[in-house]
Amino acid sequence: MPKVTLDSEVCTLCQTCVNTCPMGVFEYDGENVVVAQEDQCIVCRACEAACPVEAIVVEE
């Protein structure tokens, strides 16, 4: 199963990952962006590529 890490100290809450991920792995809970459904990750790495501050790492 993939490991999706979101560095909340680097994240700017732009929600690009929420809007980019085709599987809905990320959610904005009104206060933070969180990895809500890591088990749905298909390791496409679209979130890594889209994140403007490189706050996301996806490992296989």
PDB file of N, CA and C in Angstrom:
ATOM      1  N   MET A   1       0.846  -1.184   0.000  1.00  0.00           N
ATOM      2  CA  MET A   1       0.000   0.000   0.000  1.00  0.00           C
ATOM      3  C   MET A   1       0.889   1.245   0.000  1.00  0.00           C
ATOM      4  N   PRO A   2       0.544   2.238  -0.799  1.00  0.00           N
ATOM      5  CA  PRO A   2       1.331   3.473  -0.851  1.00  0.00           C
ATOM      6  C   PRO A   2       1.278   4.235   0.471  1.00  0.00           C
ATOM      7  N   LYS A   3       2.317   5.007   0.706  1.00  0.00           N
ATOM      8  CA  LYS A   3       2.387   5.890   1.865  1.00  0.00           C
ATOM      9  C   LYS A   3       2.361   7.312   1.339  1.00  0.00           C
ATOM     10  N   VAL A   4       1.366   8.087   1.757  1.00  0.00           N
ATOM     11  CA  VAL A   4       1.218   9.476   1.331  1.00  0.00           C
ATOM     12  C   VAL A   4       1.492  10.375   2.534  1.00  0.00           C
ATOM     13  N   THR A   5       2.496  11.220   2.394  1.00  0.00           N
ATOM     14  CA  THR A   5       2.873  12.120   3.487  1.00  0.00           C
ATOM     15  C   THR A   5       2.642  13.553   3.055  1.00  0.00           C
ATOM     16  N   LEU A   6       1.943  14.296   3.891  1.00  0.00           N
ATOM     17  CA  LEU A   6       1.689  15.716   3.666  1.00  0.00           C
ATOM     18  C   LEU A   6       2.310  16.488   4.823  1.00  0.00           C
ATOM     19  N   ASP A   7       3.297  17.318   4.534  1.00  0.00           N
ATOM     20  CA  ASP A   7       3.979  18.107   5.562  1.00  0.00           C
ATOM     21  C   ASP A   7       3.131  19.333   5.871  1.00  0.00           C
ATOM     22  N   SER A   8       2.416  19.277   6.967  1.00  0.00           N
ATOM     23  CA  SER A   8       1.489  20.355   7.328  1.00  0.00           C
ATOM     24  C   SER A   8       2.200  21.659   7.675  1.00  0.00           C
ATOM     25  N   GLU A   9       3.482  21.584   8.006  1.00  0.00           N
ATOM     26  CA  GLU A   9       4.229  22.803   8.308  1.00  0.00           C
ATOM     27  C   GLU A   9       4.630  23.544   7.031  1.00  0.00           C
ATOM     28  N   VAL A  10       4.672  22.837   5.913  1.00  0.00           N
ATOM     29  CA  VAL A  10       5.031  23.430   4.628  1.00  0.00           C
ATOM     30  C   VAL A  10       3.777  23.790   3.831  1.00  0.00           C
ATOM     31  N   CYS A  11       2.722  23.027   4.021  1.00  0.00           N
ATOM     32  CA  CYS A  11       1.470  23.208   3.276  1.00  0.00           C
ATOM     33  C   CYS A  11       0.910  24.621   3.473  1.00  0.00           C
ATOM     34  N   THR A  12       0.483  25.225   2.355  1.00  0.00           N
ATOM     35  CA  THR A  12      -0.080  26.575   2.396  1.00  0.00           C
ATOM     36  C   THR A  12      -1.617  26.571   2.317  1.00  0.00           C
ATOM     37  N   LEU A  13      -2.218  25.391   2.368  1.00  0.00           N
ATOM     38  CA  LEU A  13      -3.674  25.212   2.318  1.00  0.00           C
ATOM     39  C   LEU A  13      -4.280  25.682   0.998  1.00  0.00           C
ATOM     40  N   CYS A  14      -3.500  25.602  -0.073  1.00  0.00           N
ATOM     41  CA  CYS A  14      -4.009  26.038  -1.381  1.00  0.00           C
ATOM     42  C   CYS A  14      -5.041  25.062  -1.949  1.00  0.00           C
ATOM     43  N   GLN A  15      -5.053  23.846  -1.445  1.00  0.00           N
ATOM     44  CA  GLN A  15      -5.994  22.788  -1.833  1.00  0.00           C
ATOM     45  C   GLN A  15      -5.798  22.283  -3.260  1.00  0.00           C
ATOM     46  N   THR A  16      -4.639  22.548  -3.837  1.00  0.00           N
ATOM     47  CA  THR A  16      -4.353  22.034  -5.174  1.00  0.00           C
ATOM     48  C   THR A  16      -4.405  20.512  -5.179  1.00  0.00           C
ATOM     49  N   CYS A  17      -3.884  19.885  -4.154  1.00  0.00           N
ATOM     50  CA  CYS A  17      -3.904  18.417  -4.077  1.00  0.00           C
ATOM     51  C   CYS A  17      -5.335  17.889  -3.996  1.00  0.00           C
ATOM     52  N   VAL A  18      -6.181  18.571  -3.265  1.00  0.00           N
ATOM     53  CA  VAL A  18      -7.585  18.174  -3.142  1.00  0.00           C
ATOM     54  C   VAL A  18      -8.244  18.191  -4.518  1.00  0.00           C
ATOM     55  N   ASN A  19      -7.948  19.208  -5.289  1.00  0.00           N
ATOM     56  CA  ASN A  19      -8.547  19.373  -6.608  1.00  0.00           C
ATOM     57  C   ASN A  19      -7.876  18.536  -7.694  1.00  0.00           C
ATOM     58  N   THR A  20      -6.646  18.113  -7.469  1.00  0.00           N
ATOM     59  CA  THR A  20      -5.877  17.379  -8.464  1.00  0.00           C
ATOM     60  C   THR A  20      -6.023  15.866  -8.344  1.00  0.00           C
ATOM     61  N   CYS A  21      -6.082  15.370  -7.134  1.00  0.00           N
ATOM     62  CA  CYS A  21      -6.098  13.916  -6.922  1.00  0.00           C
ATOM     63  C   CYS A  21      -7.354  13.280  -7.525  1.00  0.00           C
ATOM     64  N   PRO A  22      -7.165  12.336  -8.464  1.00  0.00           N
ATOM     65  CA  PRO A  22      -8.330  11.710  -9.093  1.00  0.00           C
ATOM     66  C   PRO A  22      -9.059  10.721  -8.188  1.00  0.00           C
ATOM     67  N   MET A  23      -8.436  10.367  -7.073  1.00  0.00           N
ATOM     68  CA  MET A  23      -9.010   9.357  -6.188  1.00  0.00           C
ATOM     69  C   MET A  23      -9.560   9.920  -4.878  1.00  0.00           C
ATOM     70  N   GLY A  24      -9.466  11.212  -4.679  1.00  0.00           N
ATOM     71  CA  GLY A  24     -10.009  11.821  -3.465  1.00  0.00           C
ATOM     72  C   GLY A  24      -9.236  11.487  -2.201  1.00  0.00           C
ATOM     73  N   VAL A  25      -7.929  11.322  -2.341  1.00  0.00           N
ATOM     74  CA  VAL A  25      -7.091  10.977  -1.192  1.00  0.00           C
ATOM     75  C   VAL A  25      -7.033  12.117  -0.176  1.00  0.00           C
ATOM     76  N   PHE A  26      -7.065  13.360  -0.663  1.00  0.00           N
ATOM     77  CA  PHE A  26      -6.936  14.527   0.213  1.00  0.00           C
ATOM     78  C   PHE A  26      -8.286  15.194   0.450  1.00  0.00           C
ATOM     79  N   GLU A  27      -8.425  15.776   1.631  1.00  0.00           N
ATOM     80  CA  GLU A  27      -9.631  16.536   1.964  1.00  0.00           C
ATOM     81  C   GLU A  27      -9.225  17.780   2.738  1.00  0.00           C
ATOM     82  N   TYR A  28     -10.009  18.818   2.573  1.00  0.00           N
ATOM     83  CA  TYR A  28      -9.849  20.022   3.394  1.00  0.00           C
ATOM     84  C   TYR A  28     -10.933  19.948   4.456  1.00  0.00           C
ATOM     85  N   ASP A  29     -10.526  19.926   5.724  1.00  0.00           N
ATOM     86  CA  ASP A  29     -11.488  19.751   6.811  1.00  0.00           C
ATOM     87  C   ASP A  29     -11.981  21.065   7.410  1.00  0.00           C
ATOM     88  N   GLY A  30     -11.736  22.157   6.692  1.00  0.00           N
ATOM     89  CA  GLY A  30     -12.142  23.470   7.177  1.00  0.00           C
ATOM     90  C   GLY A  30     -11.025  24.190   7.898  1.00  0.00           C
ATOM     91  N   GLU A  31      -9.990  23.437   8.262  1.00  0.00           N
ATOM     92  CA  GLU A  31      -8.858  24.011   8.975  1.00  0.00           C
ATOM     93  C   GLU A  31      -7.519  23.577   8.375  1.00  0.00           C
ATOM     94  N   ASN A  32      -7.462  22.333   7.909  1.00  0.00           N
ATOM     95  CA  ASN A  32      -6.234  21.760   7.359  1.00  0.00           C
ATOM     96  C   ASN A  32      -6.549  20.883   6.158  1.00  0.00           C
ATOM     97  N   VAL A  33      -5.540  20.686   5.322  1.00  0.00           N
ATOM     98  CA  VAL A  33      -5.624  19.664   4.285  1.00  0.00           C
ATOM     99  C   VAL A  33      -5.084  18.397   4.923  1.00  0.00           C
ATOM    100  N   VAL A  34      -5.813  17.311   4.771  1.00  0.00           N
ATOM    101  CA  VAL A  34      -5.429  16.048   5.395  1.00  0.00           C
ATOM    102  C   VAL A  34      -5.436  14.916   4.375  1.00  0.00           C
ATOM    103  N   VAL A  35      -4.633  13.886   4.653  1.00  0.00           N
ATOM    104  CA  VAL A  35      -4.661  12.655   3.875  1.00  0.00           C
ATOM    105  C   VAL A  35      -5.788  11.828   4.478  1.00  0.00           C
ATOM    106  N   ALA A  36      -6.930  11.823   3.811  1.00  0.00           N
ATOM    107  CA  ALA A  36      -8.129  11.215   4.373  1.00  0.00           C
ATOM    108  C   ALA A  36      -8.351   9.772   3.920  1.00  0.00           C
ATOM    109  N   GLN A  37      -7.902   9.449   2.703  1.00  0.00           N
ATOM    110  CA  GLN A  37      -8.146   8.112   2.167  1.00  0.00           C
ATOM    111  C   GLN A  37      -6.895   7.576   1.492  1.00  0.00           C
ATOM    112  N   GLU A  38      -5.846   7.422   2.277  1.00  0.00           N
ATOM    113  CA  GLU A  38      -4.562   6.957   1.758  1.00  0.00           C
ATOM    114  C   GLU A  38      -4.690   5.622   1.019  1.00  0.00           C
ATOM    115  N   ASP A  39      -5.598   4.779   1.455  1.00  0.00           N
ATOM    116  CA  ASP A  39      -5.770   3.462   0.830  1.00  0.00           C
ATOM    117  C   ASP A  39      -6.329   3.549  -0.592  1.00  0.00           C
ATOM    118  N   GLN A  40      -6.796   4.724  -1.006  1.00  0.00           N
ATOM    119  CA  GLN A  40      -7.322   4.916  -2.360  1.00  0.00           C
ATOM    120  C   GLN A  40      -6.241   5.390  -3.343  1.00  0.00           C
ATOM    121  N   CYS A  41      -5.051   5.691  -2.849  1.00  0.00           N
ATOM    122  CA  CYS A  41      -3.966   6.210  -3.683  1.00  0.00           C
ATOM    123  C   CYS A  41      -3.559   5.185  -4.742  1.00  0.00           C
ATOM    124  N   ILE A  42      -3.444   5.654  -5.996  1.00  0.00           N
ATOM    125  CA  ILE A  42      -3.031   4.793  -7.108  1.00  0.00           C
ATOM    126  C   ILE A  42      -1.608   5.132  -7.558  1.00  0.00           C
ATOM    127  N   VAL A  43      -0.895   5.907  -6.772  1.00  0.00           N
ATOM    128  CA  VAL A  43       0.494   6.288  -6.997  1.00  0.00           C
ATOM    129  C   VAL A  43       0.693   6.959  -8.363  1.00  0.00           C
ATOM    130  N   CYS A  44      -0.236   7.803  -8.749  1.00  0.00           N
ATOM    131  CA  CYS A  44      -0.084   8.551 -10.005  1.00  0.00           C
ATOM    132  C   CYS A  44       0.841   9.750  -9.822  1.00  0.00           C
ATOM    133  N   ARG A  45       1.010  10.140  -8.570  1.00  0.00           N
ATOM    134  CA  ARG A  45       1.885  11.244  -8.178  1.00  0.00           C
ATOM    135  C   ARG A  45       1.462  12.606  -8.739  1.00  0.00           C
ATOM    136  N   ALA A  46       0.216  12.720  -9.150  1.00  0.00           N
ATOM    137  CA  ALA A  46      -0.292  14.011  -9.628  1.00  0.00           C
ATOM    138  C   ALA A  46      -0.229  15.050  -8.515  1.00  0.00           C
ATOM    139  N   CYS A  47      -0.473  14.630  -7.301  1.00  0.00           N
ATOM    140  CA  CYS A  47      -0.434  15.557  -6.160  1.00  0.00           C
ATOM    141  C   CYS A  47       0.970  16.102  -5.937  1.00  0.00           C
ATOM    142  N   GLU A  48       1.971  15.226  -6.043  1.00  0.00           N
ATOM    143  CA  GLU A  48       3.365  15.667  -5.880  1.00  0.00           C
ATOM    144  C   GLU A  48       3.724  16.703  -6.939  1.00  0.00           C
ATOM    145  N   ALA A  49       3.360  16.421  -8.170  1.00  0.00           N
ATOM    146  CA  ALA A  49       3.683  17.324  -9.275  1.00  0.00           C
ATOM    147  C   ALA A  49       2.950  18.654  -9.162  1.00  0.00           C
ATOM    148  N   ALA A  50       1.731  18.629  -8.649  1.00  0.00           N
ATOM    149  CA  ALA A  50       0.911  19.835  -8.588  1.00  0.00           C
ATOM    150  C   ALA A  50       1.209  20.725  -7.385  1.00  0.00           C
ATOM    151  N   CYS A  51       1.708  20.151  -6.310  1.00  0.00           N
ATOM    152  CA  CYS A  51       1.926  20.929  -5.082  1.00  0.00           C
ATOM    153  C   CYS A  51       2.979  22.012  -5.304  1.00  0.00           C
ATOM    154  N   PRO A  52       2.603  23.278  -5.143  1.00  0.00           N
ATOM    155  CA  PRO A  52       3.537  24.376  -5.422  1.00  0.00           C
ATOM    156  C   PRO A  52       4.655  24.521  -4.388  1.00  0.00           C
ATOM    157  N   VAL A  53       4.513  23.887  -3.223  1.00  0.00           N
ATOM    158  CA  VAL A  53       5.538  24.009  -2.176  1.00  0.00           C
ATOM    159  C   VAL A  53       6.192  22.673  -1.840  1.00  0.00           C
ATOM    160  N   GLU A  54       5.923  21.651  -2.654  1.00  0.00           N
ATOM    161  CA  GLU A  54       6.519  20.320  -2.492  1.00  0.00           C
ATOM    162  C   GLU A  54       6.285  19.752  -1.091  1.00  0.00           C
ATOM    163  N   ALA A  55       5.063  19.883  -0.612  1.00  0.00           N
ATOM    164  CA  ALA A  55       4.715  19.403   0.728  1.00  0.00           C
ATOM    165  C   ALA A  55       4.244  17.943   0.738  1.00  0.00           C
ATOM    166  N   ILE A  56       4.173  17.314  -0.441  1.00  0.00           N
ATOM    167  CA  ILE A  56       3.635  15.956  -0.532  1.00  0.00           C
ATOM    168  C   ILE A  56       4.680  14.998  -1.054  1.00  0.00           C
ATOM    169  N   VAL A  57       4.772  13.829  -0.400  1.00  0.00           N
ATOM    170  CA  VAL A  57       5.635  12.741  -0.844  1.00  0.00           C
ATOM    171  C   VAL A  57       4.796  11.485  -0.908  1.00  0.00           C
ATOM    172  N   VAL A  58       4.868  10.790  -2.049  1.00  0.00           N
ATOM    173  CA  VAL A  58       4.175   9.515  -2.216  1.00  0.00           C
ATOM    174  C   VAL A  58       5.232   8.441  -2.376  1.00  0.00           C
ATOM    175  N   GLU A  59       5.154   7.427  -1.531  1.00  0.00           N
ATOM    176  CA  GLU A  59       6.095   6.310  -1.578  1.00  0.00           C
ATOM    177  C   GLU A  59       5.327   5.020  -1.863  1.00  0.00           C
ATOM    178  N   GLU A  60       5.946   4.165  -2.680  1.00  0.00           N
ATOM    179  CA  GLU A  60       5.315   2.869  -2.983  1.00  0.00           C
ATOM    180  C   GLU A  60       5.676   1.857  -1.928  1.00  0.00           C
TER     181      GLU A  60
END
